[in-house]
Amino acid sequence: MRQEEEVAGSGIQAYNHSCGKKCQKVEESGRTVTAFIGEYSHSIDAKGRLTMPSRLREQLGELFYVTKGFDGCLFVFDEEGWQAFEEKVRALPMDNAGARKLSRFFLAGASRAEVDKQGRILLPESLLTHAALDKEAVVIGAGNRVEIWSKERWDATSFDDIDDVASQMSAFGLSI
């Protein structure tokens, strides 16, 4: 039996997952989802295979989807998250050039990812190129998705300016 506790006034429930990791549940569109969290470093082999962290694999399930993401990373969605995202993209008006561009960006390069017996997924060359992935990768939980970054790009992403982080929180109506 897992024990849940509310994170002070946030509506977010924290609990210990079956893997032993502290996870978070958030309400999203009337359903409860487990937030993807954490940061993991892994290597990519010469064939373009990346070991997915076991804790994230457990949350993602047997089949998940990888596509181009913003800021030079890859987005990873579980099957339910991908279906919801894909429905939103398909609902965009195809007579709008921006909508067509967005659809092509996310759907043309998307790939189904199946985990092999060693916990690895094969990333297509187009996705490896988009994210500048070579040997070292950083896999992060980002709430409703997982992101895959090249180590170099992730290291260049700075969260050192705490005042900037705080102003971004305020701009989006977040407070602690």
Protein backbone atom coordinates (compact mmCIF):
# COMPACT_ATOMS: atom_id res chain seq x y z
CA MET A 1 0.00 0.00 0.00
CA ARG A 2 1.45 3.36 -0.95
CA GLN A 3 1.28 6.40 1.25
CA GLU A 4 0.30 9.69 -0.35
CA GLU A 5 0.76 13.23 0.92
CA GLU A 6 -0.22 16.57 -0.61
CA VAL A 7 2.63 18.92 -1.48
CA ALA A 8 1.73 22.07 0.51
CA GLY A 9 -1.26 23.70 -1.19
CA SER A 10 -0.25 22.68 -4.69
CA GLY A 11 -2.85 20.03 -5.49
CA ILE A 12 0.08 17.72 -6.29
CA GLN A 13 0.15 14.38 -4.51
CA ALA A 14 3.55 12.89 -3.68
CA TYR A 15 3.89 9.14 -3.14
CA ASN A 16 6.40 6.33 -3.13
CA HIS A 17 6.20 4.43 -6.43
CA SER A 18 6.51 0.64 -6.57
CA CYS A 19 10.11 1.11 -7.77
CA GLY A 20 10.87 2.90 -4.49
CA LYS A 21 11.19 6.36 -6.02
CA LYS A 22 9.23 9.32 -4.72
CA CYS A 23 6.87 10.34 -7.55
CA GLN A 24 4.22 12.98 -8.07
CA LYS A 25 0.63 12.74 -9.26
CA VAL A 26 -0.98 15.74 -10.90
CA GLU A 27 -4.51 16.35 -12.15
CA GLU A 28 -4.55 16.92 -15.90
CA SER A 29 -7.77 17.26 -17.89
CA GLY A 30 -9.76 15.46 -15.21
CA ARG A 31 -7.39 12.50 -14.97
CA THR A 32 -4.53 11.78 -12.61
CA VAL A 33 -1.13 11.28 -14.21
CA THR A 34 2.27 10.55 -12.73
CA ALA A 35 4.77 13.32 -13.44
CA PHE A 36 8.05 12.30 -15.03
CA ILE A 37 10.89 13.60 -12.84
CA GLY A 38 14.64 13.14 -12.44
CA GLU A 39 17.88 13.54 -14.38
CA TYR A 40 19.93 10.58 -15.66
CA SER A 41 23.15 10.35 -17.68
CA HIS A 42 23.52 7.51 -20.18
CA SER A 43 25.65 6.69 -23.20
CA ILE A 44 24.55 6.03 -26.77
CA ASP A 45 26.22 3.13 -28.56
CA ALA A 46 27.53 3.13 -32.14
CA LYS A 47 24.19 1.80 -33.43
CA GLY A 48 22.23 4.71 -31.92
CA ARG A 49 20.82 2.77 -28.97
CA LEU A 50 20.17 4.56 -25.70
CA THR A 51 19.52 2.87 -22.38
CA MET A 52 16.40 4.39 -20.89
CA PRO A 53 16.51 4.83 -17.11
CA SER A 54 14.59 1.99 -15.47
CA ARG A 55 12.46 4.32 -13.36
CA LEU A 56 11.30 6.23 -16.44
CA ARG A 57 10.86 3.01 -18.44
CA GLU A 58 8.52 1.72 -15.77
CA GLN A 59 6.39 4.86 -16.09
CA LEU A 60 6.52 4.98 -19.90
CA GLY A 61 5.41 1.38 -20.37
CA GLU A 62 6.24 -1.15 -23.08
CA LEU A 63 5.71 1.18 -26.05
CA PHE A 64 6.33 4.91 -26.22
CA TYR A 65 7.02 7.60 -28.79
CA VAL A 66 10.03 9.81 -29.47
CA THR A 67 9.86 12.97 -31.58
CA LYS A 68 11.71 16.21 -32.17
CA GLY A 69 11.44 18.61 -29.27
CA PHE A 70 12.15 22.25 -28.62
CA ASP A 71 15.56 23.71 -27.81
CA GLY A 72 17.40 20.90 -29.62
CA CYS A 73 16.18 17.99 -27.52
CA LEU A 74 13.86 15.03 -28.11
CA PHE A 75 10.43 14.63 -26.51
CA VAL A 76 9.34 11.20 -25.27
CA PHE A 77 5.66 10.47 -24.58
CA ASP A 78 3.99 7.41 -23.12
CA GLU A 79 1.33 5.88 -25.35
CA GLU A 80 -1.57 7.74 -23.74
CA GLY A 81 0.30 11.06 -23.78
CA TRP A 82 1.24 10.58 -27.42
CA GLN A 83 -2.33 9.79 -28.45
CA ALA A 84 -3.60 12.94 -26.71
CA PHE A 85 -0.84 15.06 -28.30
CA GLU A 86 -1.37 13.55 -31.75
CA GLU A 87 -5.13 14.24 -31.55
CA LYS A 88 -4.41 17.91 -30.82
CA VAL A 89 -2.01 18.14 -33.75
CA ARG A 90 -4.47 16.38 -36.10
CA ALA A 91 -7.19 18.85 -35.06
CA LEU A 92 -5.14 21.82 -36.28
CA PRO A 93 -6.53 23.54 -39.41
CA MET A 94 -4.63 22.22 -42.42
CA ASP A 95 -5.43 25.38 -44.37
CA ASN A 96 -3.08 27.23 -42.01
CA ALA A 97 0.60 27.17 -43.04
CA GLY A 98 1.82 27.36 -39.42
CA ALA A 99 -0.35 24.39 -38.45
CA ARG A 100 1.04 22.33 -41.33
CA LYS A 101 4.59 23.23 -40.34
CA LEU A 102 3.92 22.26 -36.71
CA SER A 103 2.36 18.97 -37.79
CA ARG A 104 5.34 18.11 -39.98
CA PHE A 105 7.84 19.05 -37.27
CA PHE A 106 6.36 16.72 -34.66
CA LEU A 107 4.87 13.88 -36.72
CA ALA A 108 7.24 13.35 -39.68
CA GLY A 109 10.22 12.51 -37.50
CA ALA A 110 8.34 10.69 -34.76
CA SER A 111 9.28 7.12 -33.97
CA ARG A 112 7.78 4.31 -31.92
CA ALA A 113 10.25 3.14 -29.33
CA GLU A 114 10.30 -0.42 -28.10
CA VAL A 115 12.65 -1.37 -25.32
CA ASP A 116 14.98 -4.32 -25.95
CA LYS A 117 16.01 -6.86 -23.29
CA GLN A 118 18.86 -4.60 -22.16
CA GLY A 119 16.50 -1.63 -21.63
CA ARG A 120 17.66 0.23 -24.75
CA ILE A 121 15.74 2.02 -27.48
CA LEU A 122 16.95 2.58 -31.03
CA LEU A 123 16.93 6.23 -32.05
CA PRO A 124 16.62 6.92 -35.80
CA GLU A 125 19.39 8.93 -37.44
CA SER A 126 17.07 11.91 -38.02
CA LEU A 127 16.35 12.20 -34.29
CA LEU A 128 20.01 11.71 -33.34
CA THR A 129 20.90 14.55 -35.74
CA HIS A 130 18.13 16.88 -34.49
CA ALA A 131 19.31 16.55 -30.89
CA ALA A 132 23.06 16.46 -31.75
CA LEU A 133 23.30 13.13 -29.92
CA ASP A 134 26.57 11.29 -30.26
CA LYS A 135 27.96 9.39 -27.27
CA GLU A 136 26.62 10.97 -24.08
CA ALA A 137 22.98 11.79 -23.36
CA VAL A 138 21.05 13.24 -20.45
CA VAL A 139 17.51 11.91 -19.98
CA ILE A 140 15.25 14.08 -17.85
CA GLY A 141 11.73 13.91 -16.53
CA ALA A 142 9.85 17.05 -17.57
CA GLY A 143 6.39 16.62 -16.07
CA ASN A 144 4.15 15.28 -18.83
CA ARG A 145 7.02 13.99 -20.95
CA VAL A 146 10.62 12.81 -20.87
CA GLU A 147 13.30 14.76 -22.72
CA ILE A 148 16.55 13.43 -24.22
CA TRP A 149 19.41 15.92 -24.50
CA SER A 150 22.98 15.73 -25.71
CA LYS A 151 25.26 16.17 -22.70
CA GLU A 152 26.81 19.27 -24.27
CA ARG A 153 23.46 21.00 -24.87
CA TRP A 154 22.16 20.08 -21.41
CA ASP A 155 25.33 21.37 -19.74
CA ALA A 156 24.98 24.64 -21.70
CA THR A 157 21.43 25.08 -20.34
CA SER A 158 21.85 27.31 -17.33
CA PHE A 159 19.64 27.41 -14.27
CA ASP A 160 22.25 29.36 -12.32
CA ASP A 161 20.40 32.70 -12.45
CA ILE A 162 17.88 32.07 -9.69
CA ASP A 163 16.33 35.53 -10.19
CA ASP A 164 15.58 34.63 -13.82
CA VAL A 165 14.04 31.32 -12.73
CA ALA A 166 11.91 33.13 -10.14
CA SER A 167 10.73 35.74 -12.66
CA GLN A 168 9.75 32.97 -15.08
CA MET A 169 7.73 31.33 -12.32
CA SER A 170 5.94 34.59 -11.61
CA ALA A 171 5.28 35.17 -15.31
CA PHE A 172 3.46 31.82 -15.44
CA GLY A 173 1.58 32.33 -12.17
CA LEU A 174 3.61 29.79 -10.19
CA SER A 175 4.62 30.26 -6.60
CA ILE A 176 6.07 28.10 -3.88
